C-alpha atoms as a PDB file:
ATOM      1  CA  MET A   1      71.268 100.094 120.086  1.00  0.00           C
ATOM      2  CA  ALA A   2      72.846  97.694 122.568  1.00  0.00           C
ATOM      3  CA  THR A   3      73.534  94.064 121.853  1.00  0.00           C
ATOM      4  CA  LYS A   4      72.284  91.264 124.051  1.00  0.00           C
ATOM      5  CA  ALA A   5      73.160  87.591 123.964  1.00  0.00           C
ATOM      6  CA  PRO A   6      70.171  85.482 122.934  1.00  0.00           C
ATOM      7  CA  PRO A   7      68.612  83.267 125.615  1.00  0.00           C
ATOM      8  CA  VAL A   8      69.781  80.249 123.586  1.00  0.00           C
ATOM      9  CA  HIS A   9      73.067  79.415 121.850  1.00  0.00           C
ATOM     10  CA  GLU A  10      73.706  81.708 118.872  1.00  0.00           C
ATOM     11  CA  LEU A  11      73.331  78.825 116.387  1.00  0.00           C
ATOM     12  CA  GLU A  12      69.971  77.926 117.918  1.00  0.00           C
ATOM     13  CA  PHE A  13      68.926  81.568 117.644  1.00  0.00           C
ATOM     14  CA  LEU A  14      69.850  81.543 113.944  1.00  0.00           C
ATOM     15  CA  LYS A  15      67.839  78.355 113.469  1.00  0.00           C
ATOM     16  CA  PHE A  16      64.769  79.568 115.375  1.00  0.00           C
ATOM     17  CA  SER A  17      64.676  83.057 113.913  1.00  0.00           C
ATOM     18  CA  ALA A  18      65.615  82.010 110.334  1.00  0.00           C
ATOM     19  CA  ASN A  19      65.413  85.575 109.003  1.00  0.00           C
ATOM     20  CA  HIS A  20      65.409  87.982 111.944  1.00  0.00           C
ATOM     21  CA  LEU A  21      64.102  90.877 109.843  1.00  0.00           C
ATOM     22  CA  GLU A  22      61.169  88.852 108.512  1.00  0.00           C
ATOM     23  CA  LEU A  23      60.415  87.446 111.963  1.00  0.00           C
ATOM     24  CA  GLY A  24      60.420  90.987 113.366  1.00  0.00           C
ATOM     25  CA  ARG A  25      57.965  92.144 110.650  1.00  0.00           C
ATOM     26  CA  LYS A  26      55.639  89.221 111.365  1.00  0.00           C
ATOM     27  CA  LEU A  27      55.689  89.828 115.113  1.00  0.00           C
ATOM     28  CA  THR A  28      55.029  93.546 114.587  1.00  0.00           C
ATOM     29  CA  THR A  29      52.059  92.703 112.335  1.00  0.00           C
ATOM     30  CA  LEU A  30      50.725  90.557 115.151  1.00  0.00           C
ATOM     31  CA  GLY A  31      51.105  93.471 117.556  1.00  0.00           C
ATOM     32  CA  CYS A  32      53.999  91.946 119.454  1.00  0.00           C
ATOM     33  CA  THR A  33      56.842  94.264 120.390  1.00  0.00           C
ATOM     34  CA  THR A  34      60.174  92.527 120.327  1.00  0.00           C
ATOM     35  CA  PRO A  35      63.089  94.880 120.900  1.00  0.00           C
ATOM     36  CA  GLU A  36      65.074  91.904 122.193  1.00  0.00           C
ATOM     37  CA  LEU A  37      65.054  90.365 118.711  1.00  0.00           C
ATOM     38  CA  GLY A  38      67.073  93.312 117.388  1.00  0.00           C
ATOM     39  CA  PHE A  39      69.475  93.110 120.323  1.00  0.00           C
ATOM     40  CA  TYR A  40      70.013  89.390 119.711  1.00  0.00           C
ATOM     41  CA  ALA A  41      70.598  89.945 115.983  1.00  0.00           C
ATOM     42  CA  GLN A  42      73.138  92.649 116.746  1.00  0.00           C
ATOM     43  CA  HIS A  43      74.891  90.298 119.158  1.00  0.00           C
ATOM     44  CA  VAL A  44      75.278  87.741 116.360  1.00  0.00           C
ATOM     45  CA  CYS A  45      76.487  90.433 113.943  1.00  0.00           C
ATOM     46  CA  VAL A  46      79.067  91.705 116.413  1.00  0.00           C
ATOM     47  CA  ALA A  47      80.289  88.146 117.066  1.00  0.00           C
ATOM     48  CA  TRP A  48      80.994  87.657 113.340  1.00  0.00           C
ATOM     49  CA  PHE A  49      82.593  91.087 113.119  1.00  0.00           C
ATOM     50  CA  ARG A  50      84.871  90.366 116.105  1.00  0.00           C
ATOM     51  CA  LEU A  51      85.871  87.056 114.523  1.00  0.00           C
ATOM     52  CA  GLY A  52      86.883  89.005 111.421  1.00  0.00           C
ATOM     53  CA  GLU A  53      88.989  91.321 113.559  1.00  0.00           C
ATOM     54  CA  GLN A  54      90.622  88.303 115.199  1.00  0.00           C
ATOM     55  CA  HIS A  55      91.451  86.840 111.780  1.00  0.00           C
ATOM     56  CA  LEU A  56      92.989  90.175 110.784  1.00  0.00           C
ATOM     57  CA  SER A  57      95.131  90.215 113.923  1.00  0.00           C
ATOM     58  CA  GLU A  58      96.274  86.668 113.168  1.00  0.00           C
ATOM     59  CA  ALA A  59      97.089  87.596 109.553  1.00  0.00           C
ATOM     60  CA  LYS A  60      99.406  90.331 110.792  1.00  0.00           C
ATOM     61  CA  LYS A  61     101.151  87.998 113.240  1.00  0.00           C
ATOM     62  CA  ILE A  62     101.703  85.235 110.723  1.00  0.00           C
ATOM     63  CA  GLN A  63     102.922  87.694 108.111  1.00  0.00           C
ATOM     64  CA  ALA A  64     105.807  88.470 110.449  1.00  0.00           C
ATOM     65  CA  ALA A  65     106.547  84.734 110.549  1.00  0.00           C
ATOM     66  CA  GLY A  66     106.672  84.597 106.740  1.00  0.00           C
ATOM     67  CA  CYS A  67     103.676  82.259 106.359  1.00  0.00           C
ATOM     68  CA  ILE A  68     102.425  83.664 103.058  1.00  0.00           C
ATOM     69  CA  ARG A  69      99.681  81.115 102.429  1.00  0.00           C
ATOM     70  CA  ALA A  70      98.260  81.537 105.914  1.00  0.00           C
ATOM     71  CA  VAL A  71      98.293  85.332 105.497  1.00  0.00           C
ATOM     72  CA  PHE A  72      96.068  85.096 102.411  1.00  0.00           C
ATOM     73  CA  SER A  73      93.718  82.741 104.220  1.00  0.00           C
ATOM     74  CA  ARG A  74      93.394  84.834 107.384  1.00  0.00           C
ATOM     75  CA  ALA A  75      93.099  88.121 105.442  1.00  0.00           C
ATOM     76  CA  TYR A  76      90.257  86.668 103.395  1.00  0.00           C
ATOM     77  CA  TYR A  77      88.477  85.309 106.471  1.00  0.00           C
ATOM     78  CA  ALA A  78      88.822  88.687 108.163  1.00  0.00           C
ATOM     79  CA  ALA A  79      86.906  90.351 105.337  1.00  0.00           C
ATOM     80  CA  TYR A  80      84.533  87.392 104.914  1.00  0.00           C
ATOM     81  CA  ASN A  81      83.350  87.477 108.522  1.00  0.00           C
ATOM     82  CA  ALA A  82      82.859  91.254 108.452  1.00  0.00           C
ATOM     83  CA  SER A  83      80.800  90.751 105.282  1.00  0.00           C
ATOM     84  CA  LYS A  84      78.827  87.969 106.948  1.00  0.00           C
ATOM     85  CA  GLY A  85      77.915  90.151 109.926  1.00  0.00           C
ATOM     86  CA  MET A  86      76.953  93.053 107.692  1.00  0.00           C
ATOM     87  CA  ARG A  87      74.862  90.878 105.363  1.00  0.00           C
ATOM     88  CA  TYR A  88      73.156  89.256 108.342  1.00  0.00           C
ATOM     89  CA  MET A  89      72.054  92.623 109.692  1.00  0.00           C
ATOM     90  CA  THR A  90      70.852  93.998 106.360  1.00  0.00           C
ATOM     91  CA  GLN A  91      69.301  90.849 104.838  1.00  0.00           C
ATOM     92  CA  GLY A  92      68.156  89.187 108.052  1.00  0.00           C
ATOM     93  CA  PHE A  93      69.923  85.900 107.377  1.00  0.00           C
ATOM     94  CA  VAL A  94      73.059  84.339 105.923  1.00  0.00           C
ATOM     95  CA  SER A  95      73.839  80.812 104.884  1.00  0.00           C
ATOM     96  CA  LEU A  96      75.865  78.773 107.337  1.00  0.00           C
ATOM     97  CA  LYS A  97      77.083  76.516 104.526  1.00  0.00           C
ATOM     98  CA  GLY A  98      79.947  76.730 102.056  1.00  0.00           C
ATOM     99  CA  ASP A  99      77.787  78.514  99.497  1.00  0.00           C
ATOM    100  CA  ASP A 100      78.058  81.663 101.607  1.00  0.00           C
ATOM    101  CA  HIS A 101      81.616  82.346 100.416  1.00  0.00           C
ATOM    102  CA  GLY A 102      80.376  83.391  96.982  1.00  0.00           C
ATOM    103  CA  LYS A 103      77.808  85.637  98.609  1.00  0.00           C
ATOM    104  CA  ALA A 104      80.453  87.499 100.621  1.00  0.00           C
ATOM    105  CA  SER A 105      81.058  89.663  97.559  1.00  0.00           C
ATOM    106  CA  SER A 106      77.931  89.172  95.455  1.00  0.00           C
ATOM    107  CA  GLU A 107      75.361  89.981  98.149  1.00  0.00           C
ATOM    108  CA  LEU A 108      76.827  93.065  99.763  1.00  0.00           C
ATOM    109  CA  PRO A 109      74.111  95.611 100.584  1.00  0.00           C
ATOM    110  CA  GLY A 110      73.260  97.682  97.513  1.00  0.00           C
ATOM    111  CA  ASP A 111      73.802 100.923  99.422  1.00  0.00           C
ATOM    112  CA  PHE A 112      77.231  99.870 100.731  1.00  0.00           C
ATOM    113  CA  PRO A 113      79.761 102.513  99.624  1.00  0.00           C
ATOM    114  CA  GLU A 114      81.624 101.519  96.450  1.00  0.00           C
ATOM    115  CA  VAL A 115      79.758  98.205  96.424  1.00  0.00           C
ATOM    116  CA  VAL A 116      80.919  97.165  92.946  1.00  0.00           C
ATOM    117  CA  THR A 117      84.549  97.918  93.732  1.00  0.00           C
ATOM    118  CA  TRP A 118      84.326  96.061  97.029  1.00  0.00           C
ATOM    119  CA  ALA A 119      82.702  93.058  95.367  1.00  0.00           C
ATOM    120  CA  GLY A 120      85.738  92.792  93.091  1.00  0.00           C
ATOM    121  CA  ARG A 121      88.212  93.298  95.908  1.00  0.00           C
ATOM    122  CA  LEU A 122      86.566  90.616  98.070  1.00  0.00           C
ATOM    123  CA  SER A 123      86.493  88.228  95.113  1.00  0.00           C
ATOM    124  CA  LEU A 124      90.225  88.765  94.640  1.00  0.00           C
ATOM    125  CA  LEU A 125      90.868  87.986  98.322  1.00  0.00           C
ATOM    126  CA  TYR A 126      88.756  84.840  97.972  1.00  0.00           C
ATOM    127  CA  GLU A 127      90.690  83.709  94.890  1.00  0.00           C
ATOM    128  CA  HIS A 128      93.963  84.178  96.774  1.00  0.00           C
ATOM    129  CA  ARG A 129      92.608  82.253  99.755  1.00  0.00           C
ATOM    130  CA  LEU A 130      91.578  79.341  97.547  1.00  0.00           C
ATOM    131  CA  ARG A 131      94.930  79.298  95.786  1.00  0.00           C
ATOM    132  CA  ALA A 132      96.796  79.537  99.096  1.00  0.00           C
ATOM    133  CA  ASP A 133      94.780  76.777 100.742  1.00  0.00           C
ATOM    134  CA  TYR A 134      94.537  74.293  97.873  1.00  0.00           C
ATOM    135  CA  ASP A 135      97.054  74.847  95.072  1.00  0.00           C
ATOM    136  CA  ASN A 136     100.512  73.381  95.189  1.00  0.00           C
ATOM    137  CA  TRP A 137     101.498  73.752  91.569  1.00  0.00           C
ATOM    138  CA  SER A 138     104.767  75.079  90.261  1.00  0.00           C
ATOM    139  CA  SER A 139     102.978  78.274  89.181  1.00  0.00           C
ATOM    140  CA  THR A 140     101.129  78.922  92.466  1.00  0.00           C
ATOM    141  CA  GLN A 141     103.504  81.541  93.845  1.00  0.00           C
ATOM    142  CA  ALA A 142     103.539  83.408  90.525  1.00  0.00           C
ATOM    143  CA  ASP A 143      99.729  83.274  90.371  1.00  0.00           C
ATOM    144  CA  PHE A 144      99.403  85.486  93.442  1.00  0.00           C
ATOM    145  CA  THR A 145      98.694  88.967  92.113  1.00  0.00           C
ATOM    146  CA  LEU A 146      98.536  90.441  95.617  1.00  0.00           C
ATOM    147  CA  LYS A 147     101.406  90.586  98.030  1.00  0.00           C
ATOM    148  CA  PRO A 148     100.591  89.304 101.531  1.00  0.00           C
ATOM    149  CA  ALA A 149     100.831  92.850 102.949  1.00  0.00           C
ATOM    150  CA  ALA A 150      98.362  94.083 100.318  1.00  0.00           C
ATOM    151  CA  ALA A 151      95.902  91.326 101.258  1.00  0.00           C
ATOM    152  CA  ILE A 152      96.072  92.521 104.859  1.00  0.00           C
ATOM    153  CA  VAL A 153      95.457  96.118 103.761  1.00  0.00           C
ATOM    154  CA  GLU A 154      92.456  94.993 101.692  1.00  0.00           C
ATOM    155  CA  ALA A 155      90.998  93.230 104.726  1.00  0.00           C
ATOM    156  CA  GLU A 156      91.703  96.207 107.006  1.00  0.00           C
ATOM    157  CA  GLU A 157      90.057  98.635 104.616  1.00  0.00           C
ATOM    158  CA  PHE A 158      87.015  96.424 104.148  1.00  0.00           C
ATOM    159  CA  ILE A 159      86.590  95.981 107.893  1.00  0.00           C
ATOM    160  CA  ALA A 160      86.825  99.757 108.348  1.00  0.00           C
ATOM    161  CA  ALA A 161      84.217 100.354 105.626  1.00  0.00           C
ATOM    162  CA  ALA A 162      81.926  97.653 107.055  1.00  0.00           C
ATOM    163  CA  ARG A 163      82.313  99.081 110.566  1.00  0.00           C
ATOM    164  CA  SER A 164      81.378 102.557 109.357  1.00  0.00           C
ATOM    165  CA  TYR A 165      78.400 101.182 107.420  1.00  0.00           C
ATOM    166  CA  LEU A 166      77.091  99.127 110.355  1.00  0.00           C
ATOM    167  CA  ASN A 167      77.565 101.995 112.791  1.00  0.00           C
ATOM    168  CA  SER A 168      75.605 104.411 110.617  1.00  0.00           C
ATOM    169  CA  LYS A 169      73.034 102.085 109.003  1.00  0.00           C
ATOM    170  CA  CYS A 170      72.306  99.754 111.933  1.00  0.00           C
ATOM    171  CA  ASN A 171      73.370 101.899 114.884  1.00  0.00           C
ATOM    172  CA  ILE A 172      75.875  99.295 116.019  1.00  0.00           C
ATOM    173  CA  GLY A 173      78.773 100.591 118.062  1.00  0.00           C
ATOM    174  CA  LEU A 174      81.712  98.631 116.695  1.00  0.00           C
END
Protein backbone atom coordinates (compact mmCIF):
# COMPACT_ATOMS: atom_id res chain seq x y z
CA MET A 1 0.00 0.00 0.00
CA ALA A 2 1.33 3.45 -0.86
CA THR A 3 1.41 6.34 1.55
CA LYS A 4 -0.13 9.70 0.79
CA ALA A 5 0.17 12.95 2.69
CA PRO A 6 -3.16 13.97 4.22
CA PRO A 7 -4.89 17.01 2.72
CA VAL A 8 -4.31 18.79 6.05
CA HIS A 9 -1.28 19.04 8.36
CA GLU A 10 -0.47 15.68 9.97
CA LEU A 11 -1.41 16.95 13.45
CA GLU A 12 -4.78 18.11 12.12
CA PHE A 13 -5.27 14.69 10.53
CA LEU A 14 -4.56 13.04 13.89
CA LYS A 15 -7.06 15.37 15.56
CA PHE A 16 -9.80 14.89 12.95
CA SER A 17 -9.44 11.15 12.59
CA ALA A 18 -8.87 10.44 16.32
CA ASN A 19 -8.60 6.67 15.79
CA HIS A 20 -8.07 5.99 12.09
CA LEU A 21 -9.03 2.32 12.42
CA GLU A 22 -12.31 3.13 14.18
CA LEU A 23 -13.08 5.93 11.72
CA GLY A 24 -12.46 3.52 8.84
CA ARG A 25 -14.85 0.94 10.38
CA LYS A 26 -17.56 3.58 10.84
CA LEU A 27 -17.21 4.86 7.28
CA THR A 28 -17.32 1.30 5.92
CA THR A 29 -20.50 0.63 7.93
CA LEU A 30 -22.00 3.71 6.31
CA GLY A 31 -21.05 2.37 2.88
CA CYS A 32 -18.32 4.92 2.29
CA THR A 33 -15.11 3.66 0.72
CA THR A 34 -12.09 5.50 2.00
CA PRO A 35 -8.82 4.04 0.74
CA GLU A 36 -7.25 7.47 1.24
CA LEU A 37 -7.69 7.13 5.01
CA GLY A 38 -5.32 4.15 5.03
CA PHE A 39 -2.82 6.00 2.85
CA TYR A 40 -2.89 9.00 5.19
CA ALA A 41 -2.43 6.79 8.26
CA GLN A 42 0.53 5.08 6.64
CA HIS A 43 2.03 8.47 5.84
CA VAL A 44 1.87 9.39 9.53
CA CYS A 45 3.34 6.02 10.53
CA VAL A 46 6.22 6.38 8.09
CA ALA A 47 6.91 9.92 9.33
CA TRP A 48 7.33 8.63 12.90
CA PHE A 49 9.42 5.71 11.68
CA ARG A 50 11.72 8.02 9.68
CA LEU A 51 12.12 10.25 12.74
CA GLY A 52 13.25 7.17 14.66
CA GLU A 53 15.79 6.41 11.96
CA GLN A 54 17.03 10.00 12.14
CA HIS A 55 17.44 9.72 15.91
CA LEU A 56 19.41 6.51 15.41
CA SER A 57 21.71 8.21 12.90
CA GLU A 58 22.25 11.06 15.36
CA ALA A 59 23.00 8.60 18.19
CA LYS A 60 25.77 7.07 16.10
CA LYS A 61 27.27 10.47 15.26
CA ILE A 62 27.26 11.72 18.83
CA GLN A 63 28.69 8.46 20.11
CA ALA A 64 31.78 9.22 18.05
CA ALA A 65 31.95 12.60 19.80
CA GLY A 66 31.85 10.90 23.21
CA CYS A 67 28.51 12.43 24.28
CA ILE A 68 27.31 9.48 26.36
CA ARG A 69 24.18 11.10 27.77
CA ALA A 70 23.03 12.25 24.35
CA VAL A 71 23.62 8.76 22.94
CA PHE A 72 21.22 7.24 25.49
CA SER A 73 18.64 9.90 24.72
CA ARG A 74 18.81 9.57 20.94
CA ALA A 75 18.92 5.74 21.06
CA TYR A 76 15.78 5.71 23.19
CA TYR A 77 13.98 8.18 20.92
CA ALA A 78 14.93 6.09 17.90
CA ALA A 79 13.14 3.08 19.36
CA TYR A 80 10.33 5.19 20.83
CA ASN A 81 9.37 6.73 17.49
CA ALA A 82 9.46 3.35 15.72
CA SER A 83 7.18 2.05 18.48
CA LYS A 84 4.89 5.05 18.09
CA GLY A 85 4.49 4.49 14.35
CA MET A 86 3.86 0.78 14.83
CA ARG A 87 1.34 1.33 17.64
CA TYR A 88 -0.43 3.99 15.58
CA MET A 89 -0.93 1.59 12.69
CA THR A 90 -2.09 -1.34 14.82
CA GLN A 91 -4.18 0.50 17.44
CA GLY A 92 -5.39 3.37 15.27
CA PHE A 93 -4.18 6.10 17.61
CA VAL A 94 -1.41 7.10 19.99
CA SER A 95 -1.23 9.75 22.65
CA LEU A 96 0.59 12.92 21.70
CA LYS A 97 1.29 13.67 25.36
CA GLY A 98 4.02 12.60 27.77
CA ASP A 99 2.02 9.59 28.91
CA ASP A 100 2.88 7.89 25.63
CA HIS A 101 6.43 7.11 26.78
CA GLY A 102 5.18 4.41 29.14
CA LYS A 103 3.08 2.97 26.36
CA ALA A 104 6.08 2.60 24.04
CA SER A 105 6.84 -0.69 25.78
CA SER A 106 3.57 -1.61 27.48
CA GLU A 107 1.30 -1.30 24.43
CA LEU A 108 3.31 -3.05 21.75
CA PRO A 109 1.06 -5.16 19.51
CA GLY A 110 0.37 -8.54 21.13
CA ASP A 111 1.50 -10.38 18.00
CA PHE A 112 4.80 -8.46 17.76
CA PRO A 113 7.64 -11.02 17.80
CA GLU A 114 9.15 -11.48 21.27
CA VAL A 115 6.80 -8.81 22.62
CA VAL A 116 7.60 -9.45 26.29
CA THR A 117 11.34 -9.34 25.69
CA TRP A 118 11.02 -6.16 23.65
CA ALA A 119 8.87 -4.52 26.31
CA GLY A 120 11.70 -5.06 28.79
CA ARG A 121 14.37 -3.88 26.39
CA LEU A 122 12.45 -0.68 25.55
CA SER A 123 11.86 -0.03 29.25
CA LEU A 124 15.59 -0.32 29.86
CA LEU A 125 16.31 2.19 27.08
CA TYR A 126 13.73 4.54 28.61
CA GLU A 127 15.29 4.25 32.07
CA HIS A 128 18.70 5.10 30.60
CA ARG A 129 17.23 8.06 28.73
CA LEU A 130 15.65 9.42 31.90
CA ARG A 131 18.85 8.98 33.86
CA ALA A 132 20.91 10.56 31.08
CA ASP A 133 18.59 13.54 30.69
CA TYR A 134 17.82 14.29 34.33
CA ASP A 135 20.23 12.74 36.83
CA ASN A 136 23.43 14.44 37.83
CA TRP A 137 24.26 12.48 40.95
CA SER A 138 27.62 11.06 41.86
CA SER A 139 26.28 7.56 41.10
CA THR A 140 24.73 8.38 37.69
CA GLN A 141 27.55 7.02 35.55
CA ALA A 142 27.69 3.80 37.58
CA ASP A 143 23.90 3.43 37.32
CA PHE A 144 24.08 2.95 33.56
CA THR A 145 23.84 -0.80 33.00
CA LEU A 146 24.10 -0.41 29.23
CA LYS A 147 27.09 0.93 27.39
CA PRO A 148 26.28 3.64 24.83
CA ALA A 149 27.13 1.26 21.96
CA ALA A 150 24.74 -1.34 23.39
CA ALA A 151 21.95 1.24 23.56
CA ILE A 152 22.49 1.95 19.87
CA VAL A 153 22.37 -1.77 19.07
CA GLU A 154 19.13 -2.11 21.04
CA ALA A 155 17.59 0.72 19.04
CA GLU A 156 18.86 -0.69 15.73
CA GLU A 157 17.48 -4.14 16.49
CA PHE A 158 14.11 -2.77 17.57
CA ILE A 159 13.83 -0.63 14.45
CA ALA A 160 14.66 -3.67 12.31
CA ALA A 161 12.03 -5.78 14.10
CA ALA A 162 9.44 -2.99 13.83
CA ARG A 163 10.23 -2.50 10.14
CA SER A 164 9.77 -6.21 9.46
CA TYR A 165 6.52 -6.26 11.44
CA LEU A 166 5.07 -3.21 9.67
CA ASN A 167 6.11 -4.48 6.25
CA SER A 168 4.42 -7.84 6.79
CA LYS A 169 1.44 -6.87 8.98
CA CYS A 170 0.53 -3.51 7.42
CA ASN A 171 2.07 -3.84 3.96
CA ILE A 172 4.20 -0.76 4.49
CA GLY A 173 7.37 -0.59 2.44
CA LEU A 174 9.90 0.77 4.91
